[in-house]
Amino acid sequence: MNESRQTVRHAAAVAVQRVVLTAAGFLFAAVIPRVMGPEIFGQFSTLLASSLWFSLMSGFGAVSVMTRFVPELMEKGERESVRKLASNLLTLRLASGVASALVFQLVVGQWLDDLPLWAIVLSGWAITVRTVANLPFTLFLGLNEAARWGAADVGRRLLLFPLVYGGFRLGGLPGACGGLFLTEVVILGLGLWWSREYTVWRLMKLDREFLRPFLRFSAAYFWANLMLTLFHQGGAPFVQFISGDYKEAGYYSIAFGAYLAGVQGVWKLLSAFGPLLTALQARGEQEQLAGWANRLLVVVGLGSTLAAAVVATYGDWVVARVFGAGYERVAELLPVFGLAGLLIGPSGVARLLAVACDLPKAAVEGAALQIAVFGLAGAVLIPRLGSVGAAWVMLGAAALYSSFVTWRVRSRVRYRLGPWALVVGTALLLAPLLRMGWWGFPAFLAALAAILLGTKVVTKAELQPLWGGIRR
């Protein structure tokens, strides 16, 4: 199968997986909190969020390593090196997962000493299993099989609901945490079975000299990803800390959650193209590399533009009916986050190319700049404007991050920004149409399509590889 065609087919499968993931997540959110009640669900969600953070800390940036090195090794025919890399990293993850679980139980046991001991213990064991289980699926991303990589998230979400529900019914909070642990065990078993050709027992003895260049590369992206996660997950606590108002933190959390769902979905789709871009870079095919960057940038730009228009048109109506009275402030925040969504394309493509082209410094500096701007500007505006100030600060920080990383990466790969800028600029000029009420979005969509087709922003020949792979 053609390399680019395989990439697009797997990316299309990842898009379908995101739909399933969203539906399963909605079911979980609609049932589990009601069944557990506010207090116990708050305890469970705190344990879950804390365990996910510890799992992230013990991951060693494997996604970046697999995206950067596995395609290159496979291109050279060094399949045995891929086996050794996967097997060594599996051993390393087992050790780090056990260490993280022990630290988690020590820290959380002191912090949440009113919770049942078995709930904390089972959540800690889930960290170990999750840390190991993620590695085989990440390997598939490097092997240009992104659909299998995405299967881990879908499988977790599909299993989490029945196992947590059943565990809670049988054993309360410890039973629910047991359901979390069993979910990770099943995912680990699936990952090890699928990757049995590459995770080999005889190669699991750690070879520090062999791992050193891979770990040196992953260290930079690990810190970059950690700072991005802090930016994504730390906003609401920061708003509460600066403003002293839990309501403002709640408003920000709800609106930012919608934005974050889009960011994570787009990044998952873009990551499916990581091995292809890495292979093109390794072969020195700069023209094709830039061509794929152009296509991805325009497609994501169109998608984020339409999403922002939907939010601007129907956001008030959705907030009023889903959240009810008292949450009107969320509707004020959504258009600001919609504007931030327009930047997902440039920042995501640049971040992906930074991995493919071995530019870790750009990723780290961009993430650090984003955190610094959000913290400093937020300390000034949040006390005066609350969550609204935080939203505008977040938009500014995201714009700076996107501009910086794009500038650094385009010094290596000269892909075009003009078509994306034309898409976004045209959408902003047509934004007044969205004030026409329910008919605003159809009018906006029709005008945008007419202008973009008339100006031939993207030609049929340019998008043919993308469309051909999706159709198949």
Protein backbone atom coordinates (compact mmCIF):
# COMPACT_ATOMS: atom_id res chain seq x y z
CA MET A 1 0.00 0.00 0.00
CA ASN A 2 1.21 3.49 -0.84
CA GLU A 3 2.72 5.14 2.24
CA SER A 4 0.69 8.35 2.08
CA ARG A 5 -2.52 6.45 1.26
CA GLN A 6 -2.02 4.23 4.32
CA THR A 7 -1.46 7.31 6.49
CA VAL A 8 -4.67 8.97 5.30
CA ARG A 9 -6.71 5.79 5.74
CA HIS A 10 -5.53 5.45 9.32
CA ALA A 11 -6.16 9.15 9.95
CA ALA A 12 -9.73 8.72 8.69
CA ALA A 13 -10.13 5.77 11.08
CA VAL A 14 -8.84 7.95 13.93
CA ALA A 15 -11.51 10.54 13.04
CA VAL A 16 -14.20 7.85 13.32
CA GLN A 17 -12.69 6.75 16.63
CA ARG A 18 -13.02 10.30 17.97
CA VAL A 19 -16.75 10.18 17.25
CA VAL A 20 -17.08 6.90 19.18
CA LEU A 21 -14.92 8.31 21.96
CA THR A 22 -17.13 11.39 22.26
CA ALA A 23 -20.32 9.32 22.39
CA ALA A 24 -18.90 6.97 25.04
CA GLY A 25 -17.62 9.92 27.06
CA PHE A 26 -21.07 11.53 26.97
CA LEU A 27 -22.64 8.29 28.25
CA PHE A 28 -20.13 8.09 31.09
CA ALA A 29 -20.68 11.74 32.05
CA ALA A 30 -24.45 11.39 31.91
CA VAL A 31 -24.69 8.28 34.12
CA ILE A 32 -21.73 7.81 36.48
CA PRO A 33 -21.95 11.17 38.35
CA ARG A 34 -25.67 10.62 38.97
CA VAL A 35 -25.12 7.07 40.21
CA MET A 36 -22.23 7.95 42.52
CA GLY A 37 -23.56 11.25 43.78
CA PRO A 38 -21.60 14.51 43.92
CA GLU A 39 -19.35 13.62 46.85
CA ILE A 40 -18.21 10.13 45.81
CA PHE A 41 -17.91 11.15 42.16
CA GLY A 42 -15.74 14.07 43.26
CA GLN A 43 -13.51 11.61 45.13
CA PHE A 44 -13.33 9.25 42.13
CA SER A 45 -12.61 12.02 39.62
CA THR A 46 -9.88 13.41 41.89
CA LEU A 47 -8.20 9.99 42.09
CA LEU A 48 -8.57 9.49 38.33
CA ALA A 49 -7.16 12.91 37.42
CA SER A 50 -4.26 12.48 39.85
CA SER A 51 -3.41 9.03 38.49
CA LEU A 52 -3.44 10.33 34.90
CA TRP A 53 -0.99 13.06 35.88
CA PHE A 54 1.38 10.52 37.43
CA SER A 55 1.10 8.34 34.31
CA LEU A 56 2.10 11.32 32.19
CA MET A 57 5.14 11.93 34.38
CA SER A 58 6.36 8.35 33.85
CA GLY A 59 5.82 8.28 30.06
CA PHE A 60 9.23 9.63 28.89
CA GLY A 61 7.77 11.29 25.77
CA ALA A 62 7.33 7.99 23.91
CA VAL A 63 5.03 9.49 21.25
CA SER A 64 7.79 11.81 20.05
CA VAL A 65 10.39 9.01 20.10
CA MET A 66 8.24 6.60 18.11
CA THR A 67 7.19 9.27 15.61
CA ARG A 68 10.75 10.44 15.07
CA PHE A 69 12.81 7.22 15.04
CA VAL A 70 10.66 4.20 14.18
CA PRO A 71 9.83 5.32 10.59
CA GLU A 72 13.51 6.05 9.99
CA LEU A 73 14.61 2.66 11.35
CA MET A 74 11.97 0.84 9.31
CA GLU A 75 13.04 2.80 6.21
CA LYS A 76 16.57 1.47 6.71
CA GLY A 77 15.33 -2.09 7.25
CA GLU A 78 16.48 -2.15 10.89
CA ARG A 79 13.49 -4.05 12.24
CA GLU A 80 15.59 -5.62 14.99
CA SER A 81 16.49 -2.16 16.30
CA VAL A 82 12.78 -1.32 16.44
CA ARG A 83 12.20 -4.49 18.48
CA LYS A 84 15.03 -3.60 20.84
CA LEU A 85 13.79 -0.03 21.24
CA ALA A 86 10.22 -1.13 21.98
CA SER A 87 11.32 -3.90 24.37
CA ASN A 88 13.78 -1.69 26.25
CA LEU A 89 11.23 1.11 26.60
CA LEU A 90 8.68 -1.40 27.86
CA THR A 91 11.08 -2.42 30.65
CA LEU A 92 11.83 1.23 31.44
CA ARG A 93 8.13 2.01 31.60
CA LEU A 94 7.51 -0.88 33.96
CA ALA A 95 10.14 0.47 36.35
CA SER A 96 8.90 4.07 36.11
CA GLY A 97 5.29 2.93 36.44
CA VAL A 98 6.01 1.06 39.66
CA ALA A 99 7.92 4.05 41.05
CA SER A 100 5.11 6.43 40.11
CA ALA A 101 2.51 4.19 41.73
CA LEU A 102 4.48 4.07 44.99
CA VAL A 103 4.91 7.86 45.04
CA PHE A 104 1.22 8.30 44.17
CA GLN A 105 0.12 6.11 47.07
CA LEU A 106 2.43 7.93 49.46
CA VAL A 107 1.40 11.45 48.38
CA VAL A 108 -2.30 10.81 47.86
CA GLY A 109 -2.51 8.68 50.99
CA GLN A 110 -1.36 11.69 53.01
CA TRP A 111 -3.38 14.22 51.03
CA LEU A 112 -6.68 12.30 50.87
CA ASP A 113 -6.39 10.34 54.10
CA ASP A 114 -10.18 10.22 54.46
CA LEU A 115 -10.58 7.98 51.40
CA PRO A 116 -10.63 4.15 51.59
CA LEU A 117 -7.14 2.67 51.41
CA TRP A 118 -8.06 0.18 48.69
CA ALA A 119 -9.35 2.98 46.46
CA ILE A 120 -5.94 4.65 46.60
CA VAL A 121 -4.04 1.35 46.18
CA LEU A 122 -6.05 0.26 43.13
CA SER A 123 -5.68 3.71 41.54
CA GLY A 124 -1.92 3.42 42.08
CA TRP A 125 -1.75 -0.01 40.45
CA ALA A 126 -3.73 1.41 37.53
CA ILE A 127 -0.88 3.92 37.02
CA THR A 128 1.65 1.10 36.61
CA VAL A 129 -0.50 -0.88 34.19
CA ARG A 130 -1.50 2.22 32.18
CA THR A 131 2.13 3.36 31.88
CA VAL A 132 3.16 -0.02 30.45
CA ALA A 133 0.02 -0.44 28.32
CA ASN A 134 0.49 2.86 26.46
CA LEU A 135 3.87 1.84 25.04
CA PRO A 136 2.73 -0.90 22.58
CA PHE A 137 0.01 1.34 21.17
CA THR A 138 2.44 4.24 20.76
CA LEU A 139 4.69 1.90 18.77
CA PHE A 140 1.91 1.51 16.21
CA LEU A 141 1.95 5.26 15.62
CA GLY A 142 5.60 4.98 14.57
CA LEU A 143 4.71 2.02 12.35
CA ASN A 144 2.20 4.25 10.50
CA GLU A 145 -0.78 2.39 11.97
CA ALA A 146 -2.47 5.26 13.79
CA ALA A 147 -5.82 3.46 13.99
CA ARG A 148 -4.29 0.89 16.34
CA TRP A 149 -2.67 3.70 18.32
CA GLY A 150 -6.05 5.37 18.75
CA ALA A 151 -7.69 2.07 19.70
CA ALA A 152 -6.25 2.38 23.22
CA ASP A 153 -8.27 5.52 23.98
CA VAL A 154 -11.45 4.10 22.46
CA GLY A 155 -11.04 0.78 24.26
CA ARG A 156 -10.51 2.50 27.59
CA ARG A 157 -13.57 4.67 27.17
CA LEU A 158 -15.79 1.75 26.12
CA LEU A 159 -14.60 -0.43 29.02
CA LEU A 160 -14.53 2.28 31.65
CA PHE A 161 -18.29 2.77 31.81
CA PRO A 162 -19.40 -0.85 32.48
CA LEU A 163 -16.44 -1.75 34.71
CA VAL A 164 -16.59 1.40 36.85
CA TYR A 165 -20.39 1.18 37.05
CA GLY A 166 -20.33 -2.51 38.00
CA GLY A 167 -17.44 -2.03 40.41
CA PHE A 168 -19.19 0.82 42.18
CA ARG A 169 -22.41 -1.19 42.52
CA LEU A 170 -20.46 -4.09 44.04
CA GLY A 171 -17.92 -2.26 46.20
CA GLY A 172 -18.48 1.49 46.32
CA LEU A 173 -15.50 3.76 45.66
CA PRO A 174 -12.88 0.96 45.96
CA GLY A 175 -14.94 -1.10 43.51
CA ALA A 176 -15.05 1.78 41.03
CA CYS A 177 -11.25 2.13 41.28
CA GLY A 178 -11.04 -1.63 40.77
CA GLY A 179 -12.99 -1.13 37.54
CA LEU A 180 -10.42 1.48 36.51
CA PHE A 181 -7.61 -1.00 37.24
CA LEU A 182 -9.29 -3.82 35.27
CA THR A 183 -9.79 -1.49 32.31
CA GLU A 184 -6.05 -0.90 32.14
CA VAL A 185 -5.31 -4.63 32.48
CA VAL A 186 -7.50 -5.44 29.46
CA ILE A 187 -5.90 -2.66 27.39
CA LEU A 188 -2.42 -3.90 28.37
CA GLY A 189 -3.30 -7.43 27.26
CA LEU A 190 -4.57 -6.18 23.89
CA GLY A 191 -1.49 -4.01 23.35
CA LEU A 192 0.96 -6.80 24.18
CA TRP A 193 -0.88 -9.23 21.89
CA TRP A 194 -0.93 -6.84 18.96
CA SER A 195 2.74 -5.86 19.43
CA ARG A 196 4.07 -9.38 20.14
CA GLU A 197 6.31 -9.20 17.06
CA TYR A 198 8.12 -6.17 18.50
CA THR A 199 7.95 -6.55 22.31
CA VAL A 200 10.32 -9.49 22.72
CA TRP A 201 11.29 -10.96 26.08
CA ARG A 202 14.94 -11.57 25.11
CA LEU A 203 15.41 -7.84 24.31
CA MET A 204 13.88 -6.45 27.49
CA LYS A 205 17.18 -6.17 29.35
CA LEU A 206 18.01 -2.45 29.51
CA ASP A 207 20.86 -1.32 27.28
CA ARG A 208 21.71 2.19 28.46
CA GLU A 209 24.11 2.93 25.60
CA PHE A 210 21.50 1.95 23.05
CA LEU A 211 18.76 3.99 24.74
CA ARG A 212 20.83 7.12 25.41
CA PRO A 213 20.21 8.96 22.07
CA PHE A 214 16.51 8.11 22.15
CA LEU A 215 16.07 9.27 25.74
CA ARG A 216 18.07 12.45 25.08
CA PHE A 217 15.69 13.28 22.25
CA SER A 218 12.58 12.42 24.27
CA ALA A 219 13.65 14.47 27.29
CA ALA A 220 13.13 17.80 25.51
CA TYR A 221 9.72 16.84 24.14
CA PHE A 222 8.77 15.43 27.52
CA TRP A 223 9.26 18.84 29.10
CA ALA A 224 7.48 20.57 26.22
CA ASN A 225 4.50 18.22 26.54
CA LEU A 226 4.52 18.62 30.31
CA MET A 227 4.29 22.41 29.98
CA LEU A 228 1.51 22.10 27.40
CA THR A 229 -0.38 19.81 29.77
CA LEU A 230 0.12 22.29 32.60
CA PHE A 231 -1.26 25.05 30.35
CA HIS A 232 -4.27 22.91 29.44
CA GLN A 233 -5.03 21.44 32.87
CA GLY A 234 -3.83 24.20 35.18
CA GLY A 235 -5.94 27.08 33.90
CA ALA A 236 -8.98 26.59 36.15
CA PRO A 237 -6.95 26.15 39.39
CA PHE A 238 -4.93 29.24 38.43
CA VAL A 239 -8.12 31.27 37.91
CA GLN A 240 -9.39 30.17 41.31
CA PHE A 241 -6.07 30.94 42.98
CA ILE A 242 -5.82 34.45 41.49
CA SER A 243 -9.49 35.43 41.71
CA GLY A 244 -10.40 33.50 44.86
CA ASP A 245 -13.74 32.66 43.22
CA TYR A 246 -14.68 29.03 42.55
CA LYS A 247 -17.48 30.10 40.21
CA GLU A 248 -15.09 31.92 37.88
CA ALA A 249 -12.86 28.86 37.85
CA GLY A 250 -15.88 26.72 37.00
CA TYR A 251 -16.92 28.97 34.12
CA TYR A 252 -13.40 28.87 32.71
CA SER A 253 -13.18 25.10 33.14
CA ILE A 254 -16.41 24.43 31.21
CA ALA A 255 -15.57 26.74 28.29
CA PHE A 256 -11.95 25.67 28.12
CA GLY A 257 -13.04 22.02 28.21
CA ALA A 258 -14.89 22.50 24.91
CA TYR A 259 -11.81 24.12 23.38
CA LEU A 260 -9.52 21.39 24.75
CA ALA A 261 -11.68 18.66 23.22
CA GLY A 262 -11.05 20.26 19.83
CA VAL A 263 -7.32 20.65 20.48
CA GLN A 264 -6.90 17.03 21.51
CA GLY A 265 -8.99 15.74 18.63
CA VAL A 266 -7.02 17.73 16.04
CA TRP A 267 -3.68 16.74 17.59
CA LYS A 268 -4.69 13.08 17.48
CA LEU A 269 -5.51 13.40 13.79
CA LEU A 270 -2.34 15.34 13.00
CA SER A 271 -0.20 12.82 14.90
CA ALA A 272 -1.41 10.13 12.51
CA PHE A 273 0.63 11.94 9.83
CA GLY A 274 3.77 12.10 12.00
CA PRO A 275 5.43 8.93 10.63
CA LEU A 276 4.80 10.01 7.04
CA LEU A 277 6.34 13.45 7.63
CA THR A 278 9.30 11.88 9.44
CA ALA A 279 9.90 9.48 6.56
CA LEU A 280 9.76 12.32 4.01
CA GLN A 281 12.20 14.35 6.09
CA ALA A 282 14.59 11.38 6.41
CA ARG A 283 14.56 10.91 2.63
CA GLY A 284 15.14 14.61 2.03
CA GLU A 285 11.87 15.04 0.12
CA GLN A 286 11.35 18.62 1.24
CA GLU A 287 8.86 19.53 -1.47
CA GLN A 288 6.51 16.67 -0.54
CA LEU A 289 6.99 17.45 3.14
CA ALA A 290 5.93 21.05 2.59
CA GLY A 291 3.02 19.88 0.42
CA TRP A 292 1.59 17.71 3.15
CA ALA A 293 2.04 20.52 5.68
CA ASN A 294 0.09 22.82 3.33
CA ARG A 295 -2.78 20.33 2.99
CA LEU A 296 -3.03 19.67 6.70
CA LEU A 297 -2.91 23.37 7.54
CA VAL A 298 -5.75 24.26 5.17
CA VAL A 299 -7.96 21.30 6.15
CA VAL A 300 -7.56 21.96 9.88
CA GLY A 301 -8.05 25.69 9.23
CA LEU A 302 -11.37 25.02 7.50
CA GLY A 303 -12.50 22.70 10.28
CA SER A 304 -11.57 25.09 13.09
CA THR A 305 -13.21 28.00 11.26
CA LEU A 306 -16.50 26.14 10.94
CA ALA A 307 -16.32 25.03 14.58
CA ALA A 308 -15.77 28.61 15.74
CA ALA A 309 -18.73 29.77 13.62
CA VAL A 310 -21.00 27.11 15.13
CA VAL A 311 -19.95 28.15 18.65
CA ALA A 312 -20.58 31.82 17.90
CA THR A 313 -24.04 31.09 16.45
CA TYR A 314 -25.44 28.45 18.78
CA GLY A 315 -23.27 28.68 21.90
CA ASP A 316 -25.80 30.70 23.93
CA TRP A 317 -28.60 28.28 23.14
CA VAL A 318 -26.55 25.19 24.06
CA VAL A 319 -25.29 26.68 27.34
CA ALA A 320 -28.81 27.73 28.40
CA ARG A 321 -30.25 24.27 27.81
CA VAL A 322 -27.37 22.09 28.97
CA PHE A 323 -26.19 24.03 32.03
CA GLY A 324 -29.22 26.21 32.83
CA ALA A 325 -29.44 29.41 34.85
CA GLY A 326 -26.30 30.72 36.50
CA TYR A 327 -23.95 29.71 33.68
CA GLU A 328 -24.52 32.65 31.34
CA ARG A 329 -20.86 33.65 31.73
CA VAL A 330 -19.82 30.46 29.92
CA ALA A 331 -21.59 31.71 26.79
CA GLU A 332 -19.45 34.88 26.95
CA LEU A 333 -16.26 32.83 27.04
CA LEU A 334 -17.03 30.42 24.19
CA PRO A 335 -16.50 32.90 21.30
CA VAL A 336 -13.07 33.81 22.72
CA PHE A 337 -12.08 30.17 22.82
CA GLY A 338 -13.53 29.84 19.32
CA LEU A 339 -11.01 32.44 18.15
CA ALA A 340 -8.25 30.51 19.92
CA GLY A 341 -9.38 27.45 17.99
CA LEU A 342 -8.44 29.16 14.73
CA LEU A 343 -4.81 28.82 15.83
CA ILE A 344 -4.95 25.04 16.31
CA GLY A 345 -3.88 24.47 12.70
CA PRO A 346 -0.64 26.51 12.64
CA SER A 347 0.44 25.44 16.13
CA GLY A 348 -0.42 21.77 15.56
CA VAL A 349 1.32 21.50 12.18
CA ALA A 350 4.40 23.32 13.49
CA ARG A 351 4.51 21.10 16.57
CA LEU A 352 4.30 17.99 14.38
CA LEU A 353 7.05 19.22 12.06
CA ALA A 354 9.24 20.07 15.06
CA VAL A 355 9.26 16.36 15.91
CA ALA A 356 9.77 15.22 12.31
CA CYS A 357 12.62 17.69 11.75
CA ASP A 358 14.28 17.20 15.17
CA LEU A 359 13.67 20.71 16.53
CA PRO A 360 13.06 20.08 20.26
CA LYS A 361 14.34 23.49 21.30
CA ALA A 362 11.56 25.24 19.37
CA ALA A 363 8.91 23.08 21.08
CA VAL A 364 10.31 23.68 24.58
CA GLU A 365 10.81 27.42 24.15
CA GLY A 366 7.34 27.86 22.65
CA ALA A 367 5.66 25.97 25.49
CA ALA A 368 7.63 27.90 28.12
CA LEU A 369 6.73 31.21 26.48
CA GLN A 370 3.04 30.29 26.47
CA ILE A 371 3.05 29.39 30.17
CA ALA A 372 4.96 32.55 31.12
CA VAL A 373 2.61 34.87 29.21
CA PHE A 374 -0.49 33.22 30.64
CA GLY A 375 0.85 33.43 34.20
CA LEU A 376 2.09 37.03 34.06
CA ALA A 377 -0.79 38.55 32.09
CA GLY A 378 -3.33 36.46 33.98
CA ALA A 379 -2.09 37.79 37.31
CA VAL A 380 -2.97 41.29 36.05
CA LEU A 381 -6.29 40.71 34.26
CA ILE A 382 -7.96 37.89 36.20
CA PRO A 383 -8.45 39.91 39.43
CA ARG A 384 -10.25 42.59 37.37
CA LEU A 385 -12.14 40.54 34.78
CA GLY A 386 -12.29 37.03 36.25
CA SER A 387 -12.78 34.18 33.79
CA VAL A 388 -13.31 36.60 30.89
CA GLY A 389 -9.86 38.07 31.50
CA ALA A 390 -8.42 34.56 31.72
CA ALA A 391 -9.99 33.65 28.36
CA TRP A 392 -8.48 36.67 26.59
CA VAL A 393 -5.09 36.01 28.20
CA MET A 394 -5.28 32.41 27.05
CA LEU A 395 -6.03 33.58 23.49
CA GLY A 396 -3.01 35.89 23.55
CA ALA A 397 -0.73 33.19 24.95
CA ALA A 398 -1.94 30.68 22.34
CA ALA A 399 -1.38 33.21 19.53
CA LEU A 400 2.16 33.87 20.72
CA TYR A 401 2.90 30.15 21.00
CA SER A 402 1.54 29.46 17.52
CA SER A 403 3.49 32.35 15.97
CA PHE A 404 6.75 31.45 17.70
CA VAL A 405 6.73 27.73 16.89
CA THR A 406 5.63 28.36 13.31
CA TRP A 407 8.42 30.91 12.82
CA ARG A 408 11.04 28.50 14.17
CA VAL A 409 9.86 25.53 12.15
CA ARG A 410 9.48 27.44 8.86
CA SER A 411 13.18 28.20 9.01
CA ARG A 412 13.58 24.48 8.20
CA VAL A 413 10.46 23.68 6.15
CA ARG A 414 9.09 26.45 3.92
CA TYR A 415 5.43 25.50 3.82
CA ARG A 416 2.83 28.11 2.85
CA LEU A 417 0.75 30.09 5.34
CA GLY A 418 -1.12 32.12 2.68
CA PRO A 419 -4.02 29.69 2.03
CA TRP A 420 -4.66 29.23 5.76
CA ALA A 421 -4.55 33.01 6.30
CA LEU A 422 -7.01 33.50 3.42
CA VAL A 423 -9.43 30.94 4.92
CA VAL A 424 -9.30 32.49 8.39
CA GLY A 425 -9.26 36.09 7.13
CA THR A 426 -12.30 35.49 4.91
CA ALA A 427 -14.13 33.87 7.83
CA LEU A 428 -13.42 36.85 10.08
CA LEU A 429 -14.71 39.25 7.43
CA LEU A 430 -17.91 37.22 7.11
CA ALA A 431 -18.36 36.93 10.89
CA PRO A 432 -21.12 39.63 11.01
CA LEU A 433 -23.38 37.18 9.16
CA LEU A 434 -23.39 35.02 12.31
CA ARG A 435 -25.53 37.66 14.03
CA MET A 436 -28.53 36.69 11.89
CA GLY A 437 -29.70 34.19 14.50
CA TRP A 438 -30.30 30.57 13.54
CA TRP A 439 -29.81 31.36 9.84
CA GLY A 440 -26.50 33.03 10.47
CA PHE A 441 -24.37 29.90 10.15
CA PRO A 442 -25.93 28.64 6.88
CA ALA A 443 -25.45 32.12 5.37
CA PHE A 444 -21.88 32.23 6.63
CA LEU A 445 -21.13 28.76 5.25
CA ALA A 446 -22.57 29.53 1.84
CA ALA A 447 -20.64 32.80 1.51
CA LEU A 448 -17.38 31.22 2.71
CA ALA A 449 -17.70 28.29 0.29
CA ALA A 450 -18.44 30.62 -2.63
CA ILE A 451 -15.41 32.80 -1.93
CA LEU A 452 -12.96 29.95 -1.32
CA LEU A 453 -14.09 28.00 -4.38
CA GLY A 454 -13.97 31.15 -6.49
CA THR A 455 -10.47 32.08 -5.39
CA LYS A 456 -9.24 28.45 -5.69
CA VAL A 457 -7.51 28.51 -2.33
CA VAL A 458 -6.99 24.74 -2.59
CA THR A 459 -6.90 22.99 -5.95
CA LYS A 460 -8.35 19.56 -6.63
CA ALA A 461 -4.92 18.22 -7.54
CA GLU A 462 -3.48 19.36 -4.22
CA LEU A 463 -6.16 17.63 -2.17
CA GLN A 464 -6.37 14.50 -4.34
CA PRO A 465 -4.03 12.38 -2.14
CA LEU A 466 -6.05 13.31 0.95
CA TRP A 467 -9.44 12.63 -0.62
CA GLY A 468 -8.29 9.44 -2.33
CA GLY A 469 -7.12 7.88 0.92
CA ILE A 470 -10.30 8.84 2.82
CA ARG A 471 -12.53 7.49 0.03
CA ARG A 472 -10.78 4.13 0.11
